[in-house]
Amino acid sequence: MSTPQKTISTRAWFELMILSLIWGGSFLSIHVALGEIGPLTAVAHRTTWAMLILWGYVLIRRLALPIQPRIWGAFFVMGLMNNVIPFSLMAWGQLHIETGLTSILNAATAIFGVIAAAIFFSDERLTLRKLIGVGLGFMGVATAIGLSALTQFDIRSLGQLAVIGGTISYALAGVWARKMLSGLSPQVAAAGMLPGSTLIM
């Protein structure tokens, strides 16, 4: 299955910047929450409140919902790979490593995403331009947070390996979404995976 390469609009770039602020800020919020509750409870809160908000949005907008059992099965798997596994691994990892290092390691999602896409999709070739792009993005995150955090990297650290495992799960979730959920609106796809995530948690 292949799709033509697309360009990113100015609005999409702006939305991506807003998303990066929200996504990056979530690590600080989780760090604060972990001072009071366990990592799995924190993840359950994330998925439950996100489910209620997104389903409220979908219902208010009266967006069309899929009825095929195959799609709902795909939602369940997507929730596992895009929410349950990475959220849980990263929350547990934050108990053992610095929040700044967690954010930097999470930026590796882009690297693993490009590699996973190149493996599973013929139209997503692994070009030098892509590698330079994700490399610059990764170093940009590291520089913004503080390059000194990278000196704490230790492949023997289970906390760090847990966070990296979460980024790999995100990358594979992107592949799954493109293969199984590409015909759905982003809002429905996002809302659809959350009941399964919340049920598992």
Protein backbone atom coordinates (compact mmCIF):
# COMPACT_ATOMS: atom_id res chain seq x y z
CA MET A 1 0.00 0.00 0.00
CA SER A 2 1.49 3.33 -0.99
CA THR A 3 0.42 6.95 -0.80
CA PRO A 4 1.90 9.98 -2.55
CA GLN A 5 4.31 12.19 -0.63
CA LYS A 6 2.58 15.22 0.86
CA THR A 7 3.75 18.72 1.74
CA ILE A 8 3.01 20.31 5.11
CA SER A 9 0.91 23.49 5.10
CA THR A 10 1.63 26.55 7.24
CA ARG A 11 -1.37 25.73 9.41
CA ALA A 12 -0.12 22.17 9.88
CA TRP A 13 3.29 23.49 10.97
CA PHE A 14 1.58 25.77 13.50
CA GLU A 15 -0.56 22.91 14.82
CA LEU A 16 2.55 20.74 15.05
CA MET A 17 4.24 23.40 17.18
CA ILE A 18 1.23 23.56 19.52
CA LEU A 19 1.20 19.76 19.74
CA SER A 20 4.90 19.68 20.60
CA LEU A 21 4.33 22.12 23.47
CA ILE A 22 1.46 20.03 24.84
CA TRP A 23 3.31 16.74 24.35
CA GLY A 24 6.52 18.07 25.86
CA GLY A 25 4.69 19.62 28.80
CA SER A 26 3.07 16.29 29.59
CA PHE A 27 6.37 14.99 30.99
CA LEU A 28 6.44 17.71 33.63
CA SER A 29 2.79 17.02 34.49
CA ILE A 30 3.49 13.30 34.82
CA HIS A 31 6.53 14.01 36.99
CA VAL A 32 4.34 16.04 39.36
CA ALA A 33 1.59 13.38 39.36
CA LEU A 34 4.05 10.58 40.13
CA GLY A 35 4.82 12.29 43.41
CA GLU A 36 1.28 11.43 44.54
CA ILE A 37 0.09 8.38 42.58
CA GLY A 38 1.58 5.31 40.92
CA PRO A 39 2.53 5.20 37.22
CA LEU A 40 -0.35 2.95 36.14
CA THR A 41 -2.88 5.12 37.97
CA ALA A 42 -1.40 8.17 36.23
CA VAL A 43 -1.79 6.46 32.85
CA ALA A 44 -5.37 5.48 33.68
CA HIS A 45 -6.14 9.13 34.40
CA ARG A 46 -4.59 10.21 31.09
CA THR A 47 -6.59 7.76 29.02
CA THR A 48 -9.87 8.19 30.92
CA TRP A 49 -9.99 11.98 30.76
CA ALA A 50 -8.78 12.02 27.16
CA MET A 51 -11.50 9.49 26.27
CA LEU A 52 -14.25 11.61 27.83
CA ILE A 53 -13.05 14.82 26.17
CA LEU A 54 -12.49 13.34 22.71
CA TRP A 55 -15.74 11.38 22.66
CA GLY A 56 -17.56 14.52 23.77
CA TYR A 57 -16.00 16.34 20.81
CA VAL A 58 -16.89 13.54 18.37
CA LEU A 59 -20.50 13.41 19.56
CA ILE A 60 -20.95 17.20 19.54
CA ARG A 61 -19.56 17.40 16.01
CA ARG A 62 -21.65 14.34 15.00
CA LEU A 63 -18.71 12.76 13.24
CA ALA A 64 -19.41 9.51 11.41
CA LEU A 65 -18.39 6.44 13.41
CA PRO A 66 -17.24 3.15 11.87
CA ILE A 67 -19.39 0.08 12.46
CA GLN A 68 -17.08 -2.65 11.14
CA PRO A 69 -15.79 -5.00 13.89
CA ARG A 70 -12.40 -5.00 12.10
CA ILE A 71 -12.02 -1.28 12.71
CA TRP A 72 -12.89 -1.58 16.39
CA GLY A 73 -10.38 -4.38 16.73
CA ALA A 74 -7.81 -2.12 15.09
CA PHE A 75 -8.74 0.63 17.58
CA PHE A 76 -8.03 -1.76 20.45
CA VAL A 77 -4.58 -2.65 19.10
CA MET A 78 -3.89 1.03 18.39
CA GLY A 79 -4.79 1.94 21.97
CA LEU A 80 -2.40 -0.71 23.23
CA MET A 81 0.52 0.44 21.05
CA ASN A 82 -0.08 4.19 21.14
CA ASN A 83 -1.30 4.66 24.72
CA VAL A 84 -1.01 1.74 27.12
CA ILE A 85 2.52 0.53 26.31
CA PRO A 86 4.32 3.86 25.78
CA PHE A 87 2.48 5.76 28.53
CA SER A 88 3.12 2.98 31.05
CA LEU A 89 6.77 2.46 30.12
CA MET A 90 7.53 6.17 30.15
CA ALA A 91 5.71 6.84 33.41
CA TRP A 92 7.58 3.97 35.08
CA GLY A 93 10.83 5.16 33.52
CA GLN A 94 10.33 8.64 34.97
CA LEU A 95 10.44 7.13 38.43
CA HIS A 96 14.06 6.17 37.79
CA ILE A 97 15.50 8.85 35.48
CA GLU A 98 15.37 12.63 35.13
CA THR A 99 12.36 14.18 33.40
CA GLY A 100 14.64 16.10 31.01
CA LEU A 101 16.33 12.90 29.86
CA THR A 102 12.90 11.30 29.41
CA SER A 103 11.91 14.16 27.09
CA ILE A 104 15.10 13.82 25.06
CA LEU A 105 14.76 10.06 24.71
CA ASN A 106 11.12 10.52 23.73
CA ALA A 107 12.31 12.69 20.85
CA ALA A 108 13.79 9.51 19.40
CA THR A 109 10.20 8.66 18.40
CA ALA A 110 10.83 10.58 15.17
CA ILE A 111 13.93 8.53 14.43
CA PHE A 112 12.21 5.20 15.07
CA GLY A 113 9.17 6.43 13.14
CA VAL A 114 11.22 7.12 10.02
CA ILE A 115 12.95 3.74 10.30
CA ALA A 116 9.66 1.86 10.86
CA ALA A 117 8.03 3.60 7.91
CA ALA A 118 10.99 2.71 5.68
CA ILE A 119 10.71 -0.95 6.73
CA PHE A 120 6.96 -1.30 6.22
CA PHE A 121 6.15 1.12 3.36
CA SER A 122 7.76 1.13 -0.07
CA ASP A 123 7.06 4.85 -0.59
CA GLU A 124 8.85 5.89 2.62
CA ARG A 125 12.44 5.41 1.57
CA LEU A 126 15.13 6.12 4.16
CA THR A 127 16.84 9.11 2.54
CA LEU A 128 19.74 11.19 3.79
CA ARG A 129 17.44 14.21 3.91
CA LYS A 130 15.05 12.44 6.30
CA LEU A 131 17.88 11.22 8.51
CA ILE A 132 19.36 14.72 8.73
CA GLY A 133 15.91 16.15 9.49
CA VAL A 134 15.13 13.82 12.38
CA GLY A 135 18.70 14.11 13.63
CA LEU A 136 18.43 17.90 13.76
CA GLY A 137 15.05 17.63 15.48
CA PHE A 138 16.46 15.28 18.09
CA MET A 139 19.43 17.55 18.76
CA GLY A 140 17.10 20.55 18.90
CA VAL A 141 15.14 18.92 21.72
CA ALA A 142 18.36 17.93 23.48
CA THR A 143 19.73 21.48 23.17
CA ALA A 144 16.50 23.09 24.42
CA ILE A 145 16.39 20.84 27.48
CA GLY A 146 20.14 20.81 28.05
CA LEU A 147 22.79 18.71 26.35
CA SER A 148 24.17 17.81 29.77
CA ALA A 149 21.14 15.51 30.23
CA LEU A 150 22.51 13.29 27.47
CA THR A 151 25.57 12.54 29.58
CA GLN A 152 23.26 10.54 31.85
CA PHE A 153 22.45 8.07 29.08
CA ASP A 154 23.29 4.51 30.10
CA ILE A 155 22.11 1.55 28.00
CA ARG A 156 22.15 -0.57 31.19
CA SER A 157 19.49 1.60 32.84
CA LEU A 158 16.11 -0.13 32.88
CA GLY A 159 14.39 3.24 33.26
CA GLN A 160 16.03 4.54 30.09
CA LEU A 161 15.33 1.31 28.21
CA ALA A 162 11.67 1.57 29.24
CA VAL A 163 11.41 5.06 27.75
CA ILE A 164 13.12 3.94 24.53
CA GLY A 165 10.73 0.98 24.40
CA GLY A 166 7.88 3.47 24.60
CA THR A 167 9.24 5.43 21.63
CA ILE A 168 9.50 2.24 19.57
CA SER A 169 5.89 1.43 20.44
CA TYR A 170 4.86 4.91 19.23
CA ALA A 171 6.67 4.31 15.94
CA LEU A 172 4.98 0.95 15.39
CA ALA A 173 1.62 2.53 16.28
CA GLY A 174 2.16 4.99 13.45
CA VAL A 175 2.64 2.10 11.04
CA TRP A 176 -0.47 0.35 12.38
CA ALA A 177 -2.56 3.51 12.05
CA ARG A 178 -1.56 4.01 8.44
CA LYS A 179 -2.27 0.38 7.55
CA MET A 180 -5.53 -0.06 9.44
CA LEU A 181 -7.06 3.36 10.17
CA SER A 182 -6.02 5.56 7.24
CA GLY A 183 -9.59 6.07 5.99
CA LEU A 184 -10.85 7.61 9.22
CA SER A 185 -10.81 11.20 10.40
CA PRO A 186 -8.02 11.89 12.93
CA GLN A 187 -10.57 12.83 15.59
CA VAL A 188 -12.47 9.56 15.27
CA ALA A 189 -9.25 7.53 15.15
CA ALA A 190 -7.95 9.24 18.29
CA ALA A 191 -11.23 8.81 20.16
CA GLY A 192 -11.69 5.25 18.96
CA MET A 193 -8.51 3.91 20.53
CA LEU A 194 -9.15 5.39 23.98
CA PRO A 195 -11.96 3.13 25.27
CA GLY A 196 -9.71 0.11 24.77
CA SER A 197 -6.78 1.92 26.40
CA THR A 198 -8.91 2.89 29.39
CA LEU A 199 -10.38 -0.61 29.70
CA ILE A 200 -6.90 -2.15 29.75
CA MET A 201 -5.63 0.33 32.33
